[in-house]
């Protein structure tokens, strides 16, 4: 295998003549590698973006809790004051914020419309609590039950756990898609190599008659198809990166494409797909060629 890799890098002008430089197998290999790499770039970007987004949501919910107050309107201010007093003396509470009616209306607007009659709805009092990681939630919950019976502490566990599970599943789906893309690339390159072997059967017979070994023929086919696949993968990676760079901004896309990009050092990942696709093509072509030559008459 190491010698095959060295031969791939150095090349063999005589051996390259064994494989036709043109024909449908050339376009099949290059086009397949380019298309599959283009899709792989987007699969990789989606995997990383959804993972980052879900992690950000989960971390945000992990550091924040909400206290919901149910009380008659004339007692609501006193209840809010009592809860804020408790929170001010509770270790682990980094910040608190009372969510007023105008902000609640903005939160409800996507579901109930802009003309929300707040005076006709019994909206609860909401207090957002940001902790520093050392907050004793059970202790705070017990104290609220004892001193402010109408207060309910929601630590967002029921929201956070599905997000974490969804992040894990999305990552799994993304990596599975990448594996399927690489497998499809290997299958198409294998078909191209077999077609080239069949088309050059007479040349291979002559080479055998003059003493050429199967390893020599396999090396020639492996090198040519690996370089074709790598060239196609490079084109697909560049096109995929360009497509992601020129995606519309989140505001223009309604927020759906927020974060669909690479950041920092992760921009190198799409380019790493080129040697990865080349390696897949190398292994698939070598295995297919040696297997076909062993059955060649």
C-alpha atoms as a PDB file:
ATOM      1  CA  UNK A   1       0.000   0.000   0.000  1.00  0.00           C
ATOM      2  CA  UNK A   2       2.861   2.399   0.811  1.00  0.00           C
ATOM      3  CA  UNK A   3       4.523   1.631  -2.514  1.00  0.00           C
ATOM      4  CA  UNK A   4       1.214   2.233  -4.289  1.00  0.00           C
ATOM      5  CA  UNK A   5       0.926   5.615  -2.584  1.00  0.00           C
ATOM      6  CA  UNK A   6       4.500   6.473  -3.616  1.00  0.00           C
ATOM      7  CA  UNK A   7       3.800   5.468  -7.212  1.00  0.00           C
ATOM      8  CA  UNK A   8       0.710   7.626  -7.122  1.00  0.00           C
ATOM      9  CA  UNK A   9       2.747  10.662  -6.105  1.00  0.00           C
ATOM     10  CA  UNK A  10       5.705  10.058  -8.446  1.00  0.00           C
ATOM     11  CA  UNK A  11       3.796   8.847 -11.483  1.00  0.00           C
ATOM     12  CA  UNK A  12       4.743   6.666 -14.404  1.00  0.00           C
ATOM     13  CA  UNK A  13       4.559   8.127 -17.914  1.00  0.00           C
ATOM     14  CA  UNK A  14       4.542   4.696 -19.549  1.00  0.00           C
ATOM     15  CA  UNK A  15       1.946   3.299 -17.193  1.00  0.00           C
ATOM     16  CA  UNK A  16      -0.340   6.302 -17.691  1.00  0.00           C
ATOM     17  CA  UNK A  17      -0.713   5.316 -21.347  1.00  0.00           C
ATOM     18  CA  UNK A  18      -2.567   2.193 -20.299  1.00  0.00           C
ATOM     19  CA  UNK A  19      -5.599   4.211 -19.212  1.00  0.00           C
ATOM     20  CA  UNK A  20      -7.337   6.367 -21.843  1.00  0.00           C
ATOM     21  CA  UNK A  21      -7.036  10.094 -21.009  1.00  0.00           C
ATOM     22  CA  UNK A  22     -10.472  10.849 -22.472  1.00  0.00           C
ATOM     23  CA  UNK A  23     -13.818   9.176 -22.675  1.00  0.00           C
ATOM     24  CA  UNK A  24     -17.000   8.944 -20.647  1.00  0.00           C
ATOM     25  CA  UNK A  25     -15.170   7.367 -17.673  1.00  0.00           C
ATOM     26  CA  UNK A  26     -13.170  10.577 -17.262  1.00  0.00           C
ATOM     27  CA  UNK A  27     -16.266  12.741 -17.044  1.00  0.00           C
ATOM     28  CA  UNK A  28     -18.063  10.167 -14.922  1.00  0.00           C
ATOM     29  CA  UNK A  29     -15.277  10.147 -12.330  1.00  0.00           C
ATOM     30  CA  UNK A  30     -14.665  13.900 -12.275  1.00  0.00           C
ATOM     31  CA  UNK A  31     -18.348  14.846 -12.254  1.00  0.00           C
ATOM     32  CA  UNK A  32     -19.215  12.310  -9.565  1.00  0.00           C
ATOM     33  CA  UNK A  33     -16.378  13.431  -7.309  1.00  0.00           C
ATOM     34  CA  UNK A  34     -17.261  17.107  -7.817  1.00  0.00           C
ATOM     35  CA  UNK A  35     -20.984  16.618  -7.157  1.00  0.00           C
ATOM     36  CA  UNK A  36     -20.466  14.385  -4.129  1.00  0.00           C
ATOM     37  CA  UNK A  37     -17.894  16.729  -2.594  1.00  0.00           C
ATOM     38  CA  UNK A  38     -20.202  19.701  -3.159  1.00  0.00           C
ATOM     39  CA  UNK A  39     -22.943  17.860  -1.265  1.00  0.00           C
ATOM     40  CA  UNK A  40     -20.463  16.791   1.395  1.00  0.00           C
ATOM     41  CA  UNK A  41     -19.493  20.433   2.035  1.00  0.00           C
ATOM     42  CA  UNK A  42     -23.132  21.317   2.683  1.00  0.00           C
ATOM     43  CA  UNK A  43     -23.677  18.211   4.823  1.00  0.00           C
ATOM     44  CA  UNK A  44     -20.635  19.155   6.879  1.00  0.00           C
ATOM     45  CA  UNK A  45     -21.777  22.775   7.199  1.00  0.00           C
ATOM     46  CA  UNK A  46     -25.277  21.730   8.259  1.00  0.00           C
ATOM     47  CA  UNK A  47     -23.887  19.274  10.800  1.00  0.00           C
ATOM     48  CA  UNK A  48     -21.626  21.864  12.401  1.00  0.00           C
ATOM     49  CA  UNK A  49     -24.199  24.671  12.248  1.00  0.00           C
ATOM     50  CA  UNK A  50     -27.073  22.731  13.791  1.00  0.00           C
ATOM     51  CA  UNK A  51     -24.745  21.374  16.442  1.00  0.00           C
ATOM     52  CA  UNK A  52     -23.545  24.875  17.346  1.00  0.00           C
ATOM     53  CA  UNK A  53     -27.085  26.245  17.376  1.00  0.00           C
ATOM     54  CA  UNK A  54     -28.472  23.471  19.576  1.00  0.00           C
ATOM     55  CA  UNK A  55     -25.497  23.701  21.939  1.00  0.00           C
ATOM     56  CA  UNK A  56     -25.962  27.466  22.197  1.00  0.00           C
ATOM     57  CA  UNK A  57     -29.641  27.057  22.994  1.00  0.00           C
ATOM     58  CA  UNK A  58     -28.936  24.321  25.539  1.00  0.00           C
ATOM     59  CA  UNK A  59     -26.197  26.357  27.255  1.00  0.00           C
ATOM     60  CA  UNK A  60     -28.424  29.418  27.355  1.00  0.00           C
ATOM     61  CA  UNK A  61     -31.288  27.466  28.898  1.00  0.00           C
ATOM     62  CA  UNK A  62     -28.926  25.760  31.350  1.00  0.00           C
ATOM     63  CA  UNK A  63     -27.879  29.129  32.789  1.00  0.00           C
ATOM     64  CA  UNK A  64     -31.362  30.643  32.974  1.00  0.00           C
ATOM     65  CA  UNK A  65     -34.528  29.848  34.875  1.00  0.00           C
ATOM     66  CA  UNK A  66     -37.951  31.443  34.948  1.00  0.00           C
ATOM     67  CA  UNK A  67     -40.166  32.104  37.925  1.00  0.00           C
ATOM     68  CA  UNK A  68     -43.861  32.238  37.066  1.00  0.00           C
ATOM     69  CA  UNK A  69     -46.241  34.072  39.411  1.00  0.00           C
ATOM     70  CA  UNK A  70     -49.972  33.451  39.551  1.00  0.00           C
ATOM     71  CA  UNK A  71     -51.810  36.029  41.623  1.00  0.00           C
ATOM     72  CA  UNK A  72     -54.677  38.519  41.331  1.00  0.00           C
ATOM     73  CA  UNK A  73     -53.690  41.775  39.579  1.00  0.00           C
ATOM     74  CA  UNK A  74     -53.833  43.795  42.780  1.00  0.00           C
ATOM     75  CA  UNK A  75     -51.386  41.391  44.490  1.00  0.00           C
ATOM     76  CA  UNK A  76     -48.994  40.891  41.572  1.00  0.00           C
ATOM     77  CA  UNK A  77     -46.663  43.787  42.413  1.00  0.00           C
ATOM     78  CA  UNK A  78     -46.280  42.584  46.000  1.00  0.00           C
ATOM     79  CA  UNK A  79     -45.578  39.038  44.821  1.00  0.00           C
ATOM     80  CA  UNK A  80     -42.923  40.241  42.375  1.00  0.00           C
ATOM     81  CA  UNK A  81     -41.296  42.332  45.088  1.00  0.00           C
ATOM     82  CA  UNK A  82     -41.254  39.372  47.479  1.00  0.00           C
ATOM     83  CA  UNK A  83     -39.621  37.102  44.886  1.00  0.00           C
ATOM     84  CA  UNK A  84     -36.980  39.666  43.903  1.00  0.00           C
ATOM     85  CA  UNK A  85     -36.136  40.130  47.590  1.00  0.00           C
ATOM     86  CA  UNK A  86     -35.643  36.376  47.978  1.00  0.00           C
ATOM     87  CA  UNK A  87     -33.499  36.220  44.846  1.00  0.00           C
ATOM     88  CA  UNK A  88     -31.337  39.129  46.010  1.00  0.00           C
ATOM     89  CA  UNK A  89     -30.306  37.115  49.063  1.00  0.00           C
ATOM     90  CA  UNK A  90     -29.886  33.761  47.302  1.00  0.00           C
ATOM     91  CA  UNK A  91     -26.311  32.602  46.609  1.00  0.00           C
ATOM     92  CA  UNK A  92     -25.690  31.639  42.992  1.00  0.00           C
ATOM     93  CA  UNK A  93     -28.087  34.171  41.455  1.00  0.00           C
ATOM     94  CA  UNK A  94     -26.091  36.305  39.034  1.00  0.00           C
ATOM     95  CA  UNK A  95     -28.897  38.477  37.672  1.00  0.00           C
ATOM     96  CA  UNK A  96     -32.669  38.851  37.669  1.00  0.00           C
ATOM     97  CA  UNK A  97     -35.052  40.592  35.296  1.00  0.00           C
ATOM     98  CA  UNK A  98     -38.780  41.139  35.478  1.00  0.00           C
ATOM     99  CA  UNK A  99     -40.479  40.509  32.121  1.00  0.00           C
ATOM    100  CA  UNK A 100     -43.103  43.223  31.767  1.00  0.00           C
ATOM    101  CA  UNK A 101     -46.399  43.015  29.869  1.00  0.00           C
ATOM    102  CA  UNK A 102     -45.042  44.683  26.719  1.00  0.00           C
ATOM    103  CA  UNK A 103     -42.308  42.056  26.386  1.00  0.00           C
ATOM    104  CA  UNK A 104     -44.792  39.267  27.053  1.00  0.00           C
ATOM    105  CA  UNK A 105     -46.961  40.706  24.278  1.00  0.00           C
ATOM    106  CA  UNK A 106     -43.997  40.591  21.878  1.00  0.00           C
ATOM    107  CA  UNK A 107     -43.358  36.972  22.842  1.00  0.00           C
ATOM    108  CA  UNK A 108     -47.009  36.051  22.232  1.00  0.00           C
ATOM    109  CA  UNK A 109     -47.370  38.069  19.045  1.00  0.00           C
ATOM    110  CA  UNK A 110     -46.208  35.319  16.608  1.00  0.00           C
ATOM    111  CA  UNK A 111     -49.025  33.059  17.892  1.00  0.00           C
ATOM    112  CA  UNK A 112     -51.806  35.452  18.924  1.00  0.00           C
ATOM    113  CA  UNK A 113     -51.241  38.390  16.597  1.00  0.00           C
ATOM    114  CA  UNK A 114     -50.116  41.987  17.133  1.00  0.00           C
ATOM    115  CA  UNK A 115     -53.419  43.324  18.547  1.00  0.00           C
ATOM    116  CA  UNK A 116     -53.327  41.285  21.722  1.00  0.00           C
ATOM    117  CA  UNK A 117     -55.859  42.480  24.380  1.00  0.00           C
ATOM    118  CA  UNK A 118     -53.633  42.117  27.427  1.00  0.00           C
ATOM    119  CA  UNK A 119     -56.296  43.451  29.762  1.00  0.00           C
ATOM    120  CA  UNK A 120     -58.543  40.514  28.826  1.00  0.00           C
ATOM    121  CA  UNK A 121     -55.876  37.851  29.417  1.00  0.00           C
ATOM    122  CA  UNK A 122     -54.723  36.741  32.872  1.00  0.00           C
ATOM    123  CA  UNK A 123     -51.005  36.934  32.095  1.00  0.00           C
ATOM    124  CA  UNK A 124     -48.732  35.589  34.830  1.00  0.00           C
ATOM    125  CA  UNK A 125     -45.836  37.510  36.262  1.00  0.00           C
ATOM    126  CA  UNK A 126     -42.499  36.354  34.882  1.00  0.00           C
ATOM    127  CA  UNK A 127     -39.050  36.819  36.358  1.00  0.00           C
ATOM    128  CA  UNK A 128     -35.971  35.647  34.520  1.00  0.00           C
ATOM    129  CA  UNK A 129     -33.155  34.330  36.718  1.00  0.00           C
ATOM    130  CA  UNK A 130     -29.583  33.948  35.481  1.00  0.00           C
ATOM    131  CA  UNK A 131     -27.351  31.793  37.688  1.00  0.00           C
ATOM    132  CA  UNK A 132     -23.582  31.517  37.888  1.00  0.00           C
ATOM    133  CA  UNK A 133     -23.561  27.716  37.968  1.00  0.00           C
ATOM    134  CA  UNK A 134     -23.722  27.355  41.769  1.00  0.00           C
ATOM    135  CA  UNK A 135     -27.419  28.005  42.292  1.00  0.00           C
ATOM    136  CA  UNK A 136     -29.251  25.463  44.439  1.00  0.00           C
ATOM    137  CA  UNK A 137     -32.423  25.114  42.405  1.00  0.00           C
ATOM    138  CA  UNK A 138     -34.149  22.704  44.781  1.00  0.00           C
ATOM    139  CA  UNK A 139     -33.411  24.930  47.760  1.00  0.00           C
ATOM    140  CA  UNK A 140     -34.723  27.992  45.921  1.00  0.00           C
ATOM    141  CA  UNK A 141     -37.803  26.081  44.820  1.00  0.00           C
ATOM    142  CA  UNK A 142     -38.535  25.014  48.389  1.00  0.00           C
ATOM    143  CA  UNK A 143     -38.098  28.559  49.710  1.00  0.00           C
ATOM    144  CA  UNK A 144     -40.432  29.975  47.079  1.00  0.00           C
ATOM    145  CA  UNK A 145     -43.080  27.395  47.937  1.00  0.00           C
ATOM    146  CA  UNK A 146     -42.839  28.367  51.597  1.00  0.00           C
ATOM    147  CA  UNK A 147     -42.747  32.167  51.244  1.00  0.00           C
ATOM    148  CA  UNK A 148     -44.509  32.853  47.926  1.00  0.00           C
ATOM    149  CA  UNK A 149     -46.982  30.005  47.306  1.00  0.00           C
ATOM    150  CA  UNK A 150     -47.995  31.335  43.894  1.00  0.00           C
ATOM    151  CA  UNK A 151     -44.420  31.219  42.527  1.00  0.00           C
ATOM    152  CA  UNK A 152     -43.299  28.326  40.315  1.00  0.00           C
ATOM    153  CA  UNK A 153     -39.626  27.887  39.363  1.00  0.00           C
ATOM    154  CA  UNK A 154     -39.010  26.458  35.878  1.00  0.00           C
ATOM    155  CA  UNK A 155     -35.370  25.492  35.279  1.00  0.00           C
ATOM    156  CA  UNK A 156     -36.061  24.701  31.574  1.00  0.00           C
ATOM    157  CA  UNK A 157     -35.052  21.058  31.956  1.00  0.00           C
ATOM    158  CA  UNK A 158     -37.953  19.879  29.804  1.00  0.00           C
ATOM    159  CA  UNK A 159     -36.817  22.281  27.058  1.00  0.00           C
ATOM    160  CA  UNK A 160     -33.094  21.641  27.387  1.00  0.00           C
ATOM    161  CA  UNK A 161     -33.114  17.841  27.255  1.00  0.00           C
ATOM    162  CA  UNK A 162     -34.915  17.591  23.869  1.00  0.00           C
ATOM    163  CA  UNK A 163     -32.480  20.136  22.423  1.00  0.00           C
ATOM    164  CA  UNK A 164     -29.479  18.126  23.564  1.00  0.00           C
ATOM    165  CA  UNK A 165     -31.034  14.938  22.167  1.00  0.00           C
ATOM    166  CA  UNK A 166     -31.869  16.710  18.904  1.00  0.00           C
ATOM    167  CA  UNK A 167     -28.288  17.984  18.610  1.00  0.00           C
ATOM    168  CA  UNK A 168     -26.933  14.464  19.000  1.00  0.00           C
ATOM    169  CA  UNK A 169     -29.346  13.096  16.399  1.00  0.00           C
ATOM    170  CA  UNK A 170     -28.616  15.890  13.933  1.00  0.00           C
ATOM    171  CA  UNK A 171     -24.885  15.274  14.257  1.00  0.00           C
ATOM    172  CA  UNK A 172     -25.452  11.553  13.714  1.00  0.00           C
ATOM    173  CA  UNK A 173     -27.577  12.263  10.629  1.00  0.00           C
ATOM    174  CA  UNK A 174     -24.924  14.628   9.267  1.00  0.00           C
ATOM    175  CA  UNK A 175     -22.054  12.180   9.695  1.00  0.00           C
ATOM    176  CA  UNK A 176     -24.211   9.393   8.260  1.00  0.00           C
ATOM    177  CA  UNK A 177     -24.891  11.574   5.213  1.00  0.00           C
ATOM    178  CA  UNK A 178     -21.151  12.124   4.788  1.00  0.00           C
ATOM    179  CA  UNK A 179     -20.518   8.376   4.948  1.00  0.00           C
ATOM    180  CA  UNK A 180     -23.245   7.751   2.368  1.00  0.00           C
ATOM    181  CA  UNK A 181     -21.732  10.393   0.084  1.00  0.00           C
ATOM    182  CA  UNK A 182     -18.291   8.814   0.352  1.00  0.00           C
ATOM    183  CA  UNK A 183     -19.789   5.383  -0.255  1.00  0.00           C
ATOM    184  CA  UNK A 184     -21.592   6.633  -3.361  1.00  0.00           C
ATOM    185  CA  UNK A 185     -18.353   8.181  -4.601  1.00  0.00           C
ATOM    186  CA  UNK A 186     -16.526   4.898  -4.115  1.00  0.00           C
ATOM    187  CA  UNK A 187     -19.263   3.025  -5.991  1.00  0.00           C
ATOM    188  CA  UNK A 188     -19.243   5.415  -8.953  1.00  0.00           C
ATOM    189  CA  UNK A 189     -15.461   5.452  -9.194  1.00  0.00           C
ATOM    190  CA  UNK A 190     -15.480   1.660  -9.084  1.00  0.00           C
ATOM    191  CA  UNK A 191     -17.963   1.556 -11.965  1.00  0.00           C
ATOM    192  CA  UNK A 192     -15.777   3.949 -13.945  1.00  0.00           C
ATOM    193  CA  UNK A 193     -12.697   1.835 -13.335  1.00  0.00           C
ATOM    194  CA  UNK A 194     -14.473  -1.348 -14.379  1.00  0.00           C
ATOM    195  CA  UNK A 195     -15.784   0.339 -17.514  1.00  0.00           C
ATOM    196  CA  UNK A 196     -12.273   1.522 -18.387  1.00  0.00           C
ATOM    197  CA  UNK A 197     -10.903  -1.989 -17.821  1.00  0.00           C
ATOM    198  CA  UNK A 198     -13.543  -3.470 -20.101  1.00  0.00           C
ATOM    199  CA  UNK A 199     -12.928  -0.841 -22.776  1.00  0.00           C
ATOM    200  CA  UNK A 200      -9.190  -1.523 -22.720  1.00  0.00           C
ATOM    201  CA  UNK A 201      -9.340  -5.302 -22.591  1.00  0.00           C
ATOM    202  CA  UNK A 202      -7.279  -5.699 -25.784  1.00  0.00           C
ATOM    203  CA  UNK A 203      -4.557  -3.377 -24.490  1.00  0.00           C
ATOM    204  CA  UNK A 204      -4.405  -5.310 -21.215  1.00  0.00           C
ATOM    205  CA  UNK A 205      -4.080  -8.633 -23.099  1.00  0.00           C
ATOM    206  CA  UNK A 206      -1.170  -7.268 -25.126  1.00  0.00           C
ATOM    207  CA  UNK A 207       0.512  -5.978 -21.970  1.00  0.00           C
ATOM    208  CA  UNK A 208       0.208  -9.400 -20.406  1.00  0.00           C
ATOM    209  CA  UNK A 209       1.659 -11.047 -23.474  1.00  0.00           C
ATOM    210  CA  UNK A 210       4.776  -8.879 -23.241  1.00  0.00           C
ATOM    211  CA  UNK A 211       5.203  -9.653 -19.546  1.00  0.00           C
ATOM    212  CA  UNK A 212       3.371  -6.881 -17.697  1.00  0.00           C
ATOM    213  CA  UNK A 213       2.094  -7.907 -14.302  1.00  0.00           C
ATOM    214  CA  UNK A 214      -1.344  -7.183 -12.926  1.00  0.00           C
ATOM    215  CA  UNK A 215       0.185  -4.907 -10.273  1.00  0.00           C
ATOM    216  CA  UNK A 216       1.607  -2.693 -13.037  1.00  0.00           C
ATOM    217  CA  UNK A 217      -1.766  -2.376 -14.773  1.00  0.00           C
ATOM    218  CA  UNK A 218      -3.590  -1.846 -11.480  1.00  0.00           C
ATOM    219  CA  UNK A 219      -1.130   0.873 -10.510  1.00  0.00           C
ATOM    220  CA  UNK A 220      -1.771   2.733 -13.742  1.00  0.00           C
ATOM    221  CA  UNK A 221      -5.546   2.598 -13.347  1.00  0.00           C
ATOM    222  CA  UNK A 222      -5.393   3.501  -9.645  1.00  0.00           C
ATOM    223  CA  UNK A 223      -3.225   6.559 -10.266  1.00  0.00           C
ATOM    224  CA  UNK A 224      -5.308   7.900 -13.128  1.00  0.00           C
ATOM    225  CA  UNK A 225      -8.658   7.466 -11.378  1.00  0.00           C
ATOM    226  CA  UNK A 226      -7.400   8.769  -8.039  1.00  0.00           C
ATOM    227  CA  UNK A 227      -6.096  11.947  -9.651  1.00  0.00           C
ATOM    228  CA  UNK A 228      -9.369  12.367 -11.557  1.00  0.00           C
ATOM    229  CA  UNK A 229     -11.397  11.982  -8.378  1.00  0.00           C
ATOM    230  CA  UNK A 230      -9.146  14.381  -6.460  1.00  0.00           C
ATOM    231  CA  UNK A 231      -9.459  16.977  -9.228  1.00  0.00           C
ATOM    232  CA  UNK A 232     -13.230  16.665  -9.221  1.00  0.00           C
ATOM    233  CA  UNK A 233     -13.301  16.844  -5.421  1.00  0.00           C
ATOM    234  CA  UNK A 234     -11.262  20.043  -5.487  1.00  0.00           C
ATOM    235  CA  UNK A 235     -13.735  21.621  -7.912  1.00  0.00           C
ATOM    236  CA  UNK A 236     -16.682  20.497  -5.776  1.00  0.00           C
ATOM    237  CA  UNK A 237     -15.088  21.766  -2.559  1.00  0.00           C
ATOM    238  CA  UNK A 238     -14.349  25.189  -4.054  1.00  0.00           C
ATOM    239  CA  UNK A 239     -17.886  25.474  -5.426  1.00  0.00           C
ATOM    240  CA  UNK A 240     -19.353  24.372  -2.092  1.00  0.00           C
ATOM    241  CA  UNK A 241     -17.312  26.933  -0.155  1.00  0.00           C
ATOM    242  CA  UNK A 242     -18.287  29.656  -2.617  1.00  0.00           C
ATOM    243  CA  UNK A 243     -21.978  28.728  -2.324  1.00  0.00           C
ATOM    244  CA  UNK A 244     -21.814  28.930   1.476  1.00  0.00           C
ATOM    245  CA  UNK A 245     -19.912  32.228   1.429  1.00  0.00           C
ATOM    246  CA  UNK A 246     -22.529  33.808  -0.839  1.00  0.00           C
ATOM    247  CA  UNK A 247     -25.554  32.529   1.074  1.00  0.00           C
ATOM    248  CA  UNK A 248     -27.993  35.320   1.976  1.00  0.00           C
ATOM    249  CA  UNK A 249     -27.728  36.874   5.404  1.00  0.00           C
ATOM    250  CA  UNK A 250     -29.911  35.578   8.201  1.00  0.00           C
ATOM    251  CA  UNK A 251     -32.159  38.675   7.989  1.00  0.00           C
ATOM    252  CA  UNK A 252     -32.736  38.160   4.272  1.00  0.00           C
ATOM    253  CA  UNK A 253     -33.482  34.467   4.752  1.00  0.00           C
ATOM    254  CA  UNK A 254     -35.843  34.898   7.669  1.00  0.00           C
ATOM    255  CA  UNK A 255     -33.379  33.384  10.113  1.00  0.00           C
ATOM    256  CA  UNK A 256     -33.587  29.896   8.627  1.00  0.00           C
ATOM    257  CA  UNK A 257     -29.958  29.871   7.472  1.00  0.00           C
ATOM    258  CA  UNK A 258     -28.563  31.403  10.660  1.00  0.00           C
ATOM    259  CA  UNK A 259     -25.142  29.946  11.382  1.00  0.00           C
ATOM    260  CA  UNK A 260     -24.931  27.849   8.200  1.00  0.00           C
ATOM    261  CA  UNK A 261     -21.247  28.473   7.711  1.00  0.00           C
ATOM    262  CA  UNK A 262     -17.818  27.521   8.917  1.00  0.00           C
ATOM    263  CA  UNK A 263     -15.989  29.564  11.489  1.00  0.00           C
ATOM    264  CA  UNK A 264     -12.320  30.109  12.187  1.00  0.00           C
ATOM    265  CA  UNK A 265     -10.177  27.030  11.649  1.00  0.00           C
ATOM    266  CA  UNK A 266     -13.212  24.975  10.558  1.00  0.00           C
ATOM    267  CA  UNK A 267     -12.937  26.537   7.074  1.00  0.00           C
ATOM    268  CA  UNK A 268     -10.118  24.053   6.458  1.00  0.00           C
ATOM    269  CA  UNK A 269     -12.538  21.118   6.832  1.00  0.00           C
ATOM    270  CA  UNK A 270     -14.075  21.386   3.323  1.00  0.00           C
ATOM    271  CA  UNK A 271     -10.591  21.319   1.797  1.00  0.00           C
ATOM    272  CA  UNK A 272      -9.778  18.185   3.785  1.00  0.00           C
ATOM    273  CA  UNK A 273     -12.562  16.493   1.831  1.00  0.00           C
ATOM    274  CA  UNK A 274     -10.313  16.575  -1.257  1.00  0.00           C
ATOM    275  CA  UNK A 275      -7.665  14.142   0.054  1.00  0.00           C
ATOM    276  CA  UNK A 276     -10.428  12.156   1.749  1.00  0.00           C
ATOM    277  CA  UNK A 277     -12.288  11.663  -1.535  1.00  0.00           C
ATOM    278  CA  UNK A 278      -8.954  10.925  -3.246  1.00  0.00           C
ATOM    279  CA  UNK A 279      -8.195   8.294  -0.623  1.00  0.00           C
ATOM    280  CA  UNK A 280     -11.621   6.705  -1.075  1.00  0.00           C
ATOM    281  CA  UNK A 281     -11.111   6.652  -4.844  1.00  0.00           C
ATOM    282  CA  UNK A 282      -7.625   5.178  -4.402  1.00  0.00           C
ATOM    283  CA  UNK A 283      -8.859   2.311  -2.204  1.00  0.00           C
ATOM    284  CA  UNK A 284     -11.960   1.634  -4.318  1.00  0.00           C
ATOM    285  CA  UNK A 285     -10.125   1.697  -7.653  1.00  0.00           C
ATOM    286  CA  UNK A 286      -7.240  -0.453  -6.453  1.00  0.00           C
ATOM    287  CA  UNK A 287      -9.561  -3.080  -4.968  1.00  0.00           C
ATOM    288  CA  UNK A 288     -11.827  -3.118  -8.035  1.00  0.00           C
ATOM    289  CA  UNK A 289      -8.922  -3.260 -10.501  1.00  0.00           C
ATOM    290  CA  UNK A 290      -7.084  -6.098  -8.761  1.00  0.00           C
ATOM    291  CA  UNK A 291     -10.329  -8.036  -8.426  1.00  0.00           C
ATOM    292  CA  UNK A 292     -11.180  -7.535 -12.091  1.00  0.00           C
ATOM    293  CA  UNK A 293      -7.685  -8.432 -13.292  1.00  0.00           C
ATOM    294  CA  UNK A 294      -7.739 -11.639 -11.288  1.00  0.00           C
ATOM    295  CA  UNK A 295     -10.764 -12.709 -13.341  1.00  0.00           C
ATOM    296  CA  UNK A 296      -9.449 -11.304 -16.604  1.00  0.00           C
ATOM    297  CA  UNK A 297      -8.878 -13.777 -19.407  1.00  0.00           C
END
